[in-house]
Amino acid sequence: AVGLGVENVIGVLDLALVSVAGGLLASVVVLGATIL
């Protein structure tokens, strides 16, 4: 995003928190469906 000119990108720690927390929340559902 920074390299291709997206302005005012939020910090990498904020992105990491959203990515990991959101990813885990979504993955719980998808993992359960795959096991079923």
PDB file of all heavy atoms in Angstrom:
ATOM      1  N   ALA A   1       0.830  -1.207   0.000  1.00  0.00           N
ATOM      2  CA  ALA A   1       0.000   0.000   0.000  1.00  0.00           C
ATOM      3  C   ALA A   1       0.866   1.259   0.000  1.00  0.00           C
ATOM      4  O   ALA A   1       0.631   2.191  -0.775  1.00  0.00           O
ATOM      5  CB  ALA A   1      -0.932  -0.011   1.204  1.00  0.00           C
ATOM      6  N   VAL A   2       1.880   1.276   0.858  1.00  0.00           N
ATOM      7  CA  VAL A   2       2.780   2.442   0.909  1.00  0.00           C
ATOM      8  C   VAL A   2       3.582   2.545  -0.390  1.00  0.00           C
ATOM      9  O   VAL A   2       3.723   3.627  -0.967  1.00  0.00           O
ATOM     10  CB  VAL A   2       3.722   2.344   2.126  1.00  0.00           C
ATOM     11  CG1 VAL A   2       4.792   3.435   2.069  1.00  0.00           C
ATOM     12  CG2 VAL A   2       2.922   2.464   3.421  1.00  0.00           C
ATOM     13  N   GLY A   3       4.084   1.407  -0.870  1.00  0.00           N
ATOM     14  CA  GLY A   3       4.901   1.406  -2.074  1.00  0.00           C
ATOM     15  C   GLY A   3       4.150   1.847  -3.315  1.00  0.00           C
ATOM     16  O   GLY A   3       4.744   2.442  -4.226  1.00  0.00           O
ATOM     17  N   LEU A   4       2.859   1.573  -3.377  1.00  0.00           N
ATOM     18  CA  LEU A   4       2.066   1.934  -4.554  1.00  0.00           C
ATOM     19  C   LEU A   4       1.239   3.199  -4.352  1.00  0.00           C
ATOM     20  O   LEU A   4       0.316   3.484  -5.105  1.00  0.00           O
ATOM     21  CB  LEU A   4       1.158   0.764  -4.949  1.00  0.00           C
ATOM     22  CG  LEU A   4       1.893  -0.494  -5.424  1.00  0.00           C
ATOM     23  CD1 LEU A   4       0.916  -1.584  -5.819  1.00  0.00           C
ATOM     24  CD2 LEU A   4       2.816  -0.176  -6.604  1.00  0.00           C
ATOM     25  N   GLY A   5       1.577   3.941  -3.301  1.00  0.00           N
ATOM     26  CA  GLY A   5       1.047   5.289  -3.195  1.00  0.00           C
ATOM     27  C   GLY A   5      -0.283   5.465  -2.506  1.00  0.00           C
ATOM     28  O   GLY A   5      -0.923   6.509  -2.678  1.00  0.00           O
ATOM     29  N   VAL A   6      -0.743   4.489  -1.730  1.00  0.00           N
ATOM     30  CA  VAL A   6      -1.957   4.689  -0.942  1.00  0.00           C
ATOM     31  C   VAL A   6      -1.614   5.630   0.210  1.00  0.00           C
ATOM     32  O   VAL A   6      -0.667   5.389   0.957  1.00  0.00           O
ATOM     33  CB  VAL A   6      -2.504   3.355  -0.397  1.00  0.00           C
ATOM     34  CG1 VAL A   6      -3.729   3.596   0.478  1.00  0.00           C
ATOM     35  CG2 VAL A   6      -2.862   2.434  -1.557  1.00  0.00           C
ATOM     36  N   GLU A   7      -2.380   6.705   0.341  1.00  0.00           N
ATOM     37  CA  GLU A   7      -2.037   7.739   1.304  1.00  0.00           C
ATOM     38  C   GLU A   7      -2.558   7.419   2.707  1.00  0.00           C
ATOM     39  O   GLU A   7      -3.615   6.821   2.873  1.00  0.00           O
ATOM     40  CB  GLU A   7      -2.613   9.082   0.837  1.00  0.00           C
ATOM     41  CG  GLU A   7      -2.028   9.570  -0.495  1.00  0.00           C
ATOM     42  CD  GLU A   7      -2.620  10.900  -0.923  1.00  0.00           C
ATOM     43  OE1 GLU A   7      -3.551  11.381  -0.226  1.00  0.00           O
ATOM     44  OE2 GLU A   7      -2.155  11.448  -1.934  1.00  0.00           O
ATOM     45  N   ASN A   8      -1.775   7.863   3.696  1.00  0.00           N
ATOM     46  CA  ASN A   8      -2.171   7.805   5.106  1.00  0.00           C
ATOM     47  C   ASN A   8      -2.527   6.388   5.577  1.00  0.00           C
ATOM     48  O   ASN A   8      -3.497   6.182   6.325  1.00  0.00           O
ATOM     49  CB  ASN A   8      -3.361   8.736   5.355  1.00  0.00           C
ATOM     50  CG  ASN A   8      -3.066  10.176   4.964  1.00  0.00           C
ATOM     51  OD1 ASN A   8      -1.996  10.701   5.276  1.00  0.00           O
ATOM     52  ND2 ASN A   8      -4.007  10.808   4.289  1.00  0.00           N
ATOM     53  N   VAL A   9      -1.753   5.405   5.142  1.00  0.00           N
ATOM     54  CA  VAL A   9      -2.012   4.013   5.531  1.00  0.00           C
ATOM     55  C   VAL A   9      -1.842   3.871   7.046  1.00  0.00           C
ATOM     56  O   VAL A   9      -0.887   4.405   7.627  1.00  0.00           O
ATOM     57  CB  VAL A   9      -1.036   3.058   4.805  1.00  0.00           C
ATOM     58  CG1 VAL A   9      -1.296   1.617   5.217  1.00  0.00           C
ATOM     59  CG2 VAL A   9      -1.173   3.214   3.303  1.00  0.00           C
ATOM     60  N   ILE A  10      -2.756   3.146   7.687  1.00  0.00           N
ATOM     61  CA  ILE A  10      -2.654   2.953   9.132  1.00  0.00           C
ATOM     62  C   ILE A  10      -1.426   2.102   9.455  1.00  0.00           C
ATOM     63  O   ILE A  10      -0.882   1.405   8.599  1.00  0.00           O
ATOM     64  CB  ILE A  10      -3.936   2.305   9.703  1.00  0.00           C
ATOM     65  CG1 ILE A  10      -4.168   0.921   9.090  1.00  0.00           C
ATOM     66  CG2 ILE A  10      -5.133   3.186   9.469  1.00  0.00           C
ATOM     67  CD1 ILE A  10      -5.357   0.174   9.700  1.00  0.00           C
ATOM     68  N   GLY A  11      -0.972   2.139  10.695  1.00  0.00           N
ATOM     69  CA  GLY A  11       0.257   1.470  11.098  1.00  0.00           C
ATOM     70  C   GLY A  11       0.195  -0.040  10.957  1.00  0.00           C
ATOM     71  O   GLY A  11      -0.877  -0.653  10.989  1.00  0.00           O
ATOM     72  N   VAL A  12       1.358  -0.643  10.824  1.00  0.00           N
ATOM     73  CA  VAL A  12       1.432  -2.084  10.620  1.00  0.00           C
ATOM     74  C   VAL A  12       0.921  -2.852  11.842  1.00  0.00           C
ATOM     75  O   VAL A  12       0.343  -3.938  11.703  1.00  0.00           O
ATOM     76  CB  VAL A  12       2.875  -2.507  10.259  1.00  0.00           C
ATOM     77  CG1 VAL A  12       3.820  -2.318  11.447  1.00  0.00           C
ATOM     78  CG2 VAL A  12       2.917  -3.945   9.768  1.00  0.00           C
ATOM     79  N   LEU A  13       1.097  -2.296  13.049  1.00  0.00           N
ATOM     80  CA  LEU A  13       0.581  -2.966  14.243  1.00  0.00           C
ATOM     81  C   LEU A  13      -0.949  -2.990  14.245  1.00  0.00           C
ATOM     82  O   LEU A  13      -1.566  -3.987  14.634  1.00  0.00           O
ATOM     83  CB  LEU A  13       1.094  -2.286  15.510  1.00  0.00           C
ATOM     84  CG  LEU A  13       2.472  -2.728  16.025  1.00  0.00           C
ATOM     85  CD1 LEU A  13       2.842  -1.930  17.263  1.00  0.00           C
ATOM     86  CD2 LEU A  13       2.498  -4.221  16.317  1.00  0.00           C
ATOM     87  N   ASP A  14      -1.559  -1.884  13.793  1.00  0.00           N
ATOM     88  CA  ASP A  14      -3.020  -1.855  13.694  1.00  0.00           C
ATOM     89  C   ASP A  14      -3.506  -2.867  12.663  1.00  0.00           C
ATOM     90  O   ASP A  14      -4.479  -3.595  12.891  1.00  0.00           O
ATOM     91  CB  ASP A  14      -3.492  -0.449  13.313  1.00  0.00           C
ATOM     92  CG  ASP A  14      -3.378   0.539  14.466  1.00  0.00           C
ATOM     93  OD1 ASP A  14      -3.245   0.081  15.621  1.00  0.00           O
ATOM     94  OD2 ASP A  14      -3.412   1.754  14.221  1.00  0.00           O
ATOM     95  N   LEU A  15      -2.829  -2.917  11.514  1.00  0.00           N
ATOM     96  CA  LEU A  15      -3.191  -3.898  10.490  1.00  0.00           C
ATOM     97  C   LEU A  15      -3.015  -5.321  11.015  1.00  0.00           C
ATOM     98  O   LEU A  15      -3.833  -6.206  10.741  1.00  0.00           O
ATOM     99  CB  LEU A  15      -2.342  -3.691   9.235  1.00  0.00           C
ATOM    100  CG  LEU A  15      -2.698  -2.500   8.337  1.00  0.00           C
ATOM    101  CD1 LEU A  15      -1.676  -2.354   7.211  1.00  0.00           C
ATOM    102  CD2 LEU A  15      -4.102  -2.655   7.747  1.00  0.00           C
ATOM    103  N   ALA A  16      -1.932  -5.537  11.771  1.00  0.00           N
ATOM    104  CA  ALA A  16      -1.670  -6.875  12.316  1.00  0.00           C
ATOM    105  C   ALA A  16      -2.767  -7.290  13.290  1.00  0.00           C
ATOM    106  O   ALA A  16      -3.237  -8.442  13.266  1.00  0.00           O
ATOM    107  CB  ALA A  16      -0.312  -6.911  13.005  1.00  0.00           C
ATOM    108  N   LEU A  17      -3.187  -6.365  14.145  1.00  0.00           N
ATOM    109  CA  LEU A  17      -4.235  -6.685  15.113  1.00  0.00           C
ATOM    110  C   LEU A  17      -5.535  -7.046  14.408  1.00  0.00           C
ATOM    111  O   LEU A  17      -6.187  -8.044  14.747  1.00  0.00           O
ATOM    112  CB  LEU A  17      -4.454  -5.500  16.048  1.00  0.00           C
ATOM    113  CG  LEU A  17      -5.544  -5.662  17.122  1.00  0.00           C
ATOM    114  CD1 LEU A  17      -5.268  -6.873  18.004  1.00  0.00           C
ATOM    115  CD2 LEU A  17      -5.650  -4.394  17.969  1.00  0.00           C
ATOM    116  N   VAL A  18      -5.919  -6.252  13.414  1.00  0.00           N
ATOM    117  CA  VAL A  18      -7.154  -6.529  12.669  1.00  0.00           C
ATOM    118  C   VAL A  18      -7.034  -7.840  11.904  1.00  0.00           C
ATOM    119  O   VAL A  18      -7.954  -8.665  11.895  1.00  0.00           O
ATOM    120  CB  VAL A  18      -7.471  -5.367  11.706  1.00  0.00           C
ATOM    121  CG1 VAL A  18      -8.651  -5.725  10.796  1.00  0.00           C
ATOM    122  CG2 VAL A  18      -7.776  -4.103  12.477  1.00  0.00           C
ATOM    123  N   SER A  19      -5.883  -8.051  11.254  1.00  0.00           N
ATOM    124  CA  SER A  19      -5.696  -9.242  10.424  1.00  0.00           C
ATOM    125  C   SER A  19      -5.709 -10.522  11.248  1.00  0.00           C
ATOM    126  O   SER A  19      -6.397 -11.490  10.908  1.00  0.00           O
ATOM    127  CB  SER A  19      -4.371  -9.131   9.655  1.00  0.00           C
ATOM    128  OG  SER A  19      -4.191 -10.250   8.803  1.00  0.00           O
ATOM    129  N   VAL A  20      -4.949 -10.544  12.345  1.00  0.00           N
ATOM    130  CA  VAL A  20      -4.859 -11.760  13.155  1.00  0.00           C
ATOM    131  C   VAL A  20      -6.154 -12.016  13.919  1.00  0.00           C
ATOM    132  O   VAL A  20      -6.695 -13.134  13.894  1.00  0.00           O
ATOM    133  CB  VAL A  20      -3.661 -11.696  14.128  1.00  0.00           C
ATOM    134  CG1 VAL A  20      -3.625 -12.942  15.019  1.00  0.00           C
ATOM    135  CG2 VAL A  20      -2.350 -11.573  13.355  1.00  0.00           C
ATOM    136  N   ALA A  21      -6.682 -10.988  14.581  1.00  0.00           N
ATOM    137  CA  ALA A  21      -7.909 -11.170  15.361  1.00  0.00           C
ATOM    138  C   ALA A  21      -9.083 -11.512  14.448  1.00  0.00           C
ATOM    139  O   ALA A  21      -9.856 -12.447  14.721  1.00  0.00           O
ATOM    140  CB  ALA A  21      -8.216  -9.911  16.171  1.00  0.00           C
ATOM    141  N   GLY A  22      -9.238 -10.763  13.356  1.00  0.00           N
ATOM    142  CA  GLY A  22     -10.316 -11.044  12.413  1.00  0.00           C
ATOM    143  C   GLY A  22     -10.146 -12.397  11.743  1.00  0.00           C
ATOM    144  O   GLY A  22     -11.119 -13.128  11.528  1.00  0.00           O
ATOM    145  N   GLY A  23      -8.892 -12.736  11.405  1.00  0.00           N
ATOM    146  CA  GLY A  23      -8.630 -14.025  10.774  1.00  0.00           C
ATOM    147  C   GLY A  23      -8.959 -15.190  11.676  1.00  0.00           C
ATOM    148  O   GLY A  23      -9.537 -16.188  11.233  1.00  0.00           O
ATOM    149  N   LEU A  24      -8.614 -15.081  12.953  1.00  0.00           N
ATOM    150  CA  LEU A  24      -8.929 -16.155  13.902  1.00  0.00           C
ATOM    151  C   LEU A  24     -10.433 -16.305  14.093  1.00  0.00           C
ATOM    152  O   LEU A  24     -10.960 -17.424  14.137  1.00  0.00           O
ATOM    153  CB  LEU A  24      -8.256 -15.877  15.246  1.00  0.00           C
ATOM    154  CG  LEU A  24      -6.741 -16.041  15.292  1.00  0.00           C
ATOM    155  CD1 LEU A  24      -6.209 -15.573  16.641  1.00  0.00           C
ATOM    156  CD2 LEU A  24      -6.352 -17.498  15.048  1.00  0.00           C
ATOM    157  N   LEU A  25     -11.135 -15.178  14.186  1.00  0.00           N
ATOM    158  CA  LEU A  25     -12.583 -15.216  14.362  1.00  0.00           C
ATOM    159  C   LEU A  25     -13.254 -15.910  13.178  1.00  0.00           C
ATOM    160  O   LEU A  25     -14.124 -16.778  13.348  1.00  0.00           O
ATOM    161  CB  LEU A  25     -13.115 -13.788  14.518  1.00  0.00           C
ATOM    162  CG  LEU A  25     -14.623 -13.629  14.759  1.00  0.00           C
ATOM    163  CD1 LEU A  25     -15.038 -14.346  16.039  1.00  0.00           C
ATOM    164  CD2 LEU A  25     -14.982 -12.148  14.826  1.00  0.00           C
ATOM    165  N   ALA A  26     -12.852 -15.552  11.956  1.00  0.00           N
ATOM    166  CA  ALA A  26     -13.431 -16.176  10.766  1.00  0.00           C
ATOM    167  C   ALA A  26     -13.026 -17.642  10.651  1.00  0.00           C
ATOM    168  O   ALA A  26     -13.830 -18.493  10.241  1.00  0.00           O
ATOM    169  CB  ALA A  26     -12.994 -15.412   9.515  1.00  0.00           C
ATOM    170  N   SER A  27     -11.792 -17.939  11.032  1.00  0.00           N
ATOM    171  CA  SER A  27     -11.279 -19.301  10.850  1.00  0.00           C
ATOM    172  C   SER A  27     -11.961 -20.319  11.749  1.00  0.00           C
ATOM    173  O   SER A  27     -12.064 -21.494  11.397  1.00  0.00           O
ATOM    174  CB  SER A  27      -9.767 -19.321  11.098  1.00  0.00           C
ATOM    175  OG  SER A  27      -9.094 -18.568  10.121  1.00  0.00           O
ATOM    176  N   VAL A  28     -12.410 -19.884  12.918  1.00  0.00           N
ATOM    177  CA  VAL A  28     -13.121 -20.807  13.815  1.00  0.00           C
ATOM    178  C   VAL A  28     -14.344 -21.386  13.097  1.00  0.00           C
ATOM    179  O   VAL A  28     -14.610 -22.603  13.142  1.00  0.00           O
ATOM    180  CB  VAL A  28     -13.551 -20.081  15.107  1.00  0.00           C
ATOM    181  CG1 VAL A  28     -14.525 -20.930  15.907  1.00  0.00           C
ATOM    182  CG2 VAL A  28     -12.334 -19.756  15.959  1.00  0.00           C
ATOM    183  N   VAL A  29     -15.088 -20.532  12.391  1.00  0.00           N
ATOM    184  CA  VAL A  29     -16.288 -20.979  11.680  1.00  0.00           C
ATOM    185  C   VAL A  29     -15.919 -21.883  10.509  1.00  0.00           C
ATOM    186  O   VAL A  29     -16.503 -22.956  10.315  1.00  0.00           O
ATOM    187  CB  VAL A  29     -17.095 -19.765  11.181  1.00  0.00           C
ATOM    188  CG1 VAL A  29     -18.327 -20.219  10.407  1.00  0.00           C
ATOM    189  CG2 VAL A  29     -17.495 -18.881  12.358  1.00  0.00           C
ATOM    190  N   VAL A  30     -14.940 -21.459   9.708  1.00  0.00           N
ATOM    191  CA  VAL A  30     -14.577 -22.222   8.510  1.00  0.00           C
ATOM    192  C   VAL A  30     -13.951 -23.564   8.883  1.00  0.00           C
ATOM    193  O   VAL A  30     -14.210 -24.586   8.240  1.00  0.00           O
ATOM    194  CB  VAL A  30     -13.626 -21.403   7.614  1.00  0.00           C
ATOM    195  CG1 VAL A  30     -13.323 -22.164   6.325  1.00  0.00           C
ATOM    196  CG2 VAL A  30     -14.257 -20.056   7.279  1.00  0.00           C
ATOM    197  N   LEU A  31     -13.127 -23.581   9.935  1.00  0.00           N
ATOM    198  CA  LEU A  31     -12.534 -24.834  10.401  1.00  0.00           C
ATOM    199  C   LEU A  31     -13.621 -25.805  10.844  1.00  0.00           C
ATOM    200  O   LEU A  31     -13.586 -26.998  10.499  1.00  0.00           O
ATOM    201  CB  LEU A  31     -11.567 -24.566  11.555  1.00  0.00           C
ATOM    202  CG  LEU A  31     -10.967 -25.796  12.244  1.00  0.00           C
ATOM    203  CD1 LEU A  31     -10.167 -26.636  11.263  1.00  0.00           C
ATOM    204  CD2 LEU A  31     -10.102 -25.379  13.430  1.00  0.00           C
ATOM    205  N   GLY A  32     -14.585 -25.308  11.605  1.00  0.00           N
ATOM    206  CA  GLY A  32     -15.678 -26.169  12.047  1.00  0.00           C
ATOM    207  C   GLY A  32     -16.446 -26.765  10.882  1.00  0.00           C
ATOM    208  O   GLY A  32     -16.780 -27.960  10.881  1.00  0.00           O
ATOM    209  N   ALA A  33     -16.706 -25.950   9.852  1.00  0.00           N
ATOM    210  CA  ALA A  33     -17.428 -26.446   8.684  1.00  0.00           C
ATOM    211  C   ALA A  33     -16.617 -27.499   7.937  1.00  0.00           C
ATOM    212  O   ALA A  33     -17.166 -28.507   7.462  1.00  0.00           O
ATOM    213  CB  ALA A  33     -17.764 -25.285   7.757  1.00  0.00           C
ATOM    214  N   THR A  34     -15.314 -27.297   7.818  1.00  0.00           N
ATOM    215  CA  THR A  34     -14.458 -28.262   7.108  1.00  0.00           C
ATOM    216  C   THR A  34     -14.428 -29.600   7.838  1.00  0.00           C
ATOM    217  O   THR A  34     -14.484 -30.662   7.219  1.00  0.00           O
ATOM    218  CB  THR A  34     -13.032 -27.699   6.961  1.00  0.00           C
ATOM    219  OG1 THR A  34     -13.083 -26.406   6.367  1.00  0.00           O
ATOM    220  CG2 THR A  34     -12.189 -28.621   6.087  1.00  0.00           C
ATOM    221  N   ILE A  35     -14.352 -29.556   9.165  1.00  0.00           N
ATOM    222  CA  ILE A  35     -14.357 -30.797   9.943  1.00  0.00           C
ATOM    223  C   ILE A  35     -15.700 -31.511   9.799  1.00  0.00           C
ATOM    224  O   ILE A  35     -15.755 -32.742   9.648  1.00  0.00           O
ATOM    225  CB  ILE A  35     -14.041 -30.505  11.418  1.00  0.00           C
ATOM    226  CG1 ILE A  35     -12.595 -30.021  11.554  1.00  0.00           C
ATOM    227  CG2 ILE A  35     -14.250 -31.756  12.281  1.00  0.00           C
ATOM    228  CD1 ILE A  35     -12.229 -29.572  12.952  1.00  0.00           C
ATOM    229  N   LEU A  36     -16.791 -30.746   9.829  1.00  0.00           N
ATOM    230  CA  LEU A  36     -18.117 -31.351   9.648  1.00  0.00           C
ATOM    231  C   LEU A  36     -18.247 -31.997   8.272  1.00  0.00           C
ATOM    232  O   LEU A  36     -18.855 -33.066   8.129  1.00  0.00           O
ATOM    233  CB  LEU A  36     -19.203 -30.300   9.842  1.00  0.00           C
ATOM    234  CG  LEU A  36     -19.437 -29.825  11.287  1.00  0.00           C
ATOM    235  CD1 LEU A  36     -20.472 -28.714  11.317  1.00  0.00           C
ATOM    236  CD2 LEU A  36     -19.896 -30.994  12.170  1.00  0.00           C
TER     237      LEU A  36
END
